[in-house]
Protein backbone atom coordinates (compact mmCIF):
# COMPACT_ATOMS: atom_id res chain seq x y z
CA UNK A 1 173.96 270.68 174.05
CA UNK A 2 172.18 269.08 177.01
CA UNK A 3 174.14 267.35 179.66
CA UNK A 4 173.45 265.01 182.41
CA UNK A 5 176.15 264.61 185.28
CA UNK A 6 174.86 261.78 187.57
CA UNK A 7 176.05 259.44 190.17
CA UNK A 8 173.85 256.27 191.38
CA UNK A 9 174.06 254.53 194.61
CA UNK A 10 172.39 251.72 196.44
CA UNK A 11 170.88 252.24 199.82
CA UNK A 12 172.52 251.13 203.14
CA UNK A 13 169.30 251.28 205.08
CA UNK A 14 165.64 252.84 205.05
CA UNK A 15 166.59 255.95 206.90
CA UNK A 16 166.20 257.98 203.69
CA UNK A 17 162.22 257.30 203.87
CA UNK A 18 161.71 259.72 206.69
CA UNK A 19 162.97 262.68 204.77
CA UNK A 20 161.01 262.30 201.63
CA UNK A 21 159.73 265.50 200.45
CA UNK A 22 157.33 264.01 197.48
CA UNK A 23 156.85 260.99 195.62
CA UNK A 24 155.57 260.29 192.25
CA UNK A 25 154.78 256.81 190.22
CA UNK A 26 156.31 256.65 186.83
CA UNK A 27 156.11 254.24 183.99
CA UNK A 28 158.87 254.22 181.20
CA UNK A 29 159.82 252.35 178.19
CA UNK A 30 162.59 252.36 175.66
CA UNK A 31 161.96 252.86 171.87
CA UNK A 32 165.53 252.17 171.12
CA UNK A 33 168.37 251.17 173.28
CA UNK A 34 171.41 250.23 171.42
CA UNK A 35 174.29 251.93 169.53
CA UNK A 36 175.25 255.48 170.75
CA UNK A 37 172.07 256.47 172.51
CA UNK A 38 168.58 255.29 173.94
CA UNK A 39 165.22 256.90 173.47
CA UNK A 40 162.90 256.56 176.38
CA UNK A 41 159.14 257.51 176.98
CA UNK A 42 158.11 258.41 180.44
CA UNK A 43 154.78 259.19 181.78
CA UNK A 44 154.11 260.42 185.40
CA UNK A 45 150.48 261.26 186.19
CA UNK A 46 149.13 263.56 183.50
CA UNK A 47 152.78 264.60 182.27
CA UNK A 48 155.11 262.87 179.72
CA UNK A 49 158.47 263.10 178.26
CA UNK A 50 160.52 261.88 175.43
CA UNK A 51 164.16 261.57 176.42
CA UNK A 52 167.39 260.77 174.34
CA UNK A 53 170.44 259.86 176.21
CA UNK A 54 173.95 259.08 175.02
CA UNK A 55 175.18 255.54 175.61
CA UNK A 56 177.92 254.53 178.09
CA UNK A 57 178.71 253.83 181.76
CA UNK A 58 179.98 257.36 182.93
CA UNK A 59 178.68 259.93 185.27
CA UNK A 60 178.59 262.26 182.23
CA UNK A 61 176.30 261.66 179.17
CA UNK A 62 174.53 263.76 176.70
CA UNK A 63 170.98 264.13 177.22
CA UNK A 64 167.97 265.64 175.78
CA UNK A 65 164.45 265.85 177.23
CA UNK A 66 161.24 267.07 175.63
CA UNK A 67 157.69 267.32 177.24
CA UNK A 68 155.08 265.73 174.83
CA UNK A 69 151.42 265.09 175.07
CA UNK A 70 150.51 262.48 177.57
CA UNK A 71 148.23 260.40 175.19
CA UNK A 72 151.21 260.30 172.61
CA UNK A 73 153.35 258.96 175.33
CA UNK A 74 150.93 256.26 176.59
CA UNK A 75 150.47 255.10 172.77
CA UNK A 76 153.98 255.04 172.36
CA UNK A 77 154.46 252.69 175.57
CA UNK A 78 151.81 250.65 174.50
CA UNK A 79 152.84 250.11 170.64
CA UNK A 80 156.47 250.93 170.35
CA UNK A 81 158.44 250.52 173.83
CA UNK A 82 160.32 247.19 174.24
CA UNK A 83 158.44 245.25 177.13
CA UNK A 84 158.71 245.10 179.88
CA UNK A 85 158.07 248.61 180.85
CA UNK A 86 159.90 250.15 184.09
CA UNK A 87 157.48 250.79 186.83
CA UNK A 88 158.90 252.79 189.69
CA UNK A 89 158.13 255.36 192.37
CA UNK A 90 160.51 258.25 192.50
CA UNK A 91 161.10 259.92 195.78
CA UNK A 92 162.87 263.34 196.31
CA UNK A 93 164.88 263.57 199.34
CA UNK A 94 167.25 266.72 200.21
CA UNK A 95 170.40 266.39 202.06
CA UNK A 96 173.12 268.88 202.55
CA UNK A 97 171.57 271.26 200.10
CA UNK A 98 171.50 268.64 197.29
CA UNK A 99 168.36 267.12 195.96
CA UNK A 100 168.44 263.30 195.74
CA UNK A 101 166.00 261.20 193.46
CA UNK A 102 165.46 257.62 194.80
CA UNK A 103 163.86 255.14 192.55
CA UNK A 104 162.00 252.24 194.16
CA UNK A 105 161.23 249.87 191.53
CA UNK A 106 157.78 247.67 191.18
CA UNK A 107 157.20 244.63 188.92
CA UNK A 108 159.76 242.78 187.53
CA UNK A 109 162.45 244.93 189.30
CA UNK A 110 160.65 245.04 192.67
CA UNK A 111 163.19 244.94 195.54
CA UNK A 112 165.54 247.23 193.70
CA UNK A 113 166.12 250.85 195.05
CA UNK A 114 168.41 253.06 193.63
CA UNK A 115 169.60 256.63 194.75
CA UNK A 116 170.71 259.19 192.30
CA UNK A 117 172.22 262.79 192.37
CA UNK A 118 172.55 265.14 189.54
CA UNK A 119 175.60 267.43 189.64
CA UNK A 120 176.56 270.62 187.89
CA UNK A 121 179.92 269.50 186.93
CA UNK A 122 182.30 266.39 186.99
CA UNK A 123 183.96 266.07 190.27
CA UNK A 124 181.50 268.25 192.18
CA UNK A 125 181.82 267.57 195.82
CA UNK A 126 178.46 266.42 197.68
CA UNK A 127 177.64 265.17 201.24
CA UNK A 128 177.05 261.74 201.55
CA UNK A 129 173.80 260.94 203.42
CA UNK A 130 173.96 258.18 206.09
CA UNK A 131 171.50 256.16 204.31
CA UNK A 132 173.71 255.93 201.10
CA UNK A 133 175.40 252.60 200.14
CA UNK A 134 177.61 251.40 197.49
CA UNK A 135 178.20 253.45 194.33
CA UNK A 136 176.85 251.69 191.17
CA UNK A 137 177.42 254.33 188.46
CA UNK A 138 179.81 252.21 186.41
CA UNK A 139 177.62 248.93 186.70
CA UNK A 140 175.35 248.53 183.53
CA UNK A 141 172.90 246.28 185.44
CA UNK A 142 171.74 249.28 187.41
CA UNK A 143 170.76 251.60 184.45
CA UNK A 144 167.17 251.77 183.61
CA UNK A 145 167.76 251.04 180.00
CA UNK A 146 169.22 247.59 181.00
CA UNK A 147 166.53 246.65 183.77
CA UNK A 148 164.02 246.04 180.89
CA UNK A 149 166.42 243.65 179.14
CA UNK A 150 167.51 241.97 182.43
CA UNK A 151 165.09 242.78 185.52
CA UNK A 152 166.09 242.53 189.06
CA UNK A 153 164.19 239.62 189.73
CA UNK A 154 166.27 237.45 187.29
CA UNK A 155 169.66 238.61 189.00
CA UNK A 156 171.59 236.03 190.87
CA UNK A 157 172.49 236.69 194.36
CA UNK A 158 175.97 237.34 193.43
CA UNK A 159 174.78 240.04 190.80
CA UNK A 160 172.74 241.93 193.68
CA UNK A 161 176.17 242.40 195.32
CA UNK A 162 178.32 245.08 193.81
């Protein structure tokens, strides 16, 4: 069984940018996002994936991901995905022996930047980078699946402060 153990954070400042190891633009859309699971299609360059993830606002969820032909993925995004699509650049940053993924959103979610770290087990200790801000793991609005329904551009000032 696939498991994802992930924590999400906002960024306190731009200090992370000087440590970026690589970056990649991604487009993703949701084929379904209700009930017990979401089904997502993601395209990054000439690679694509179908992802099935358990629902819930928890650090640990069931997750299954499969490579698929990029042309199939593009067709699914065009024909089946609920608009708007999520457009982002993912940046990879290492800190204290751990790999962080920092998603810088574009389009309807421009201005939002979220750092994520995937862990091997719940409760695993990890070093907090100095550029890390408030944890938002348990706030639904920061999940990609919800950014299509309620994009960052539509959030009130109060919603932008966790």
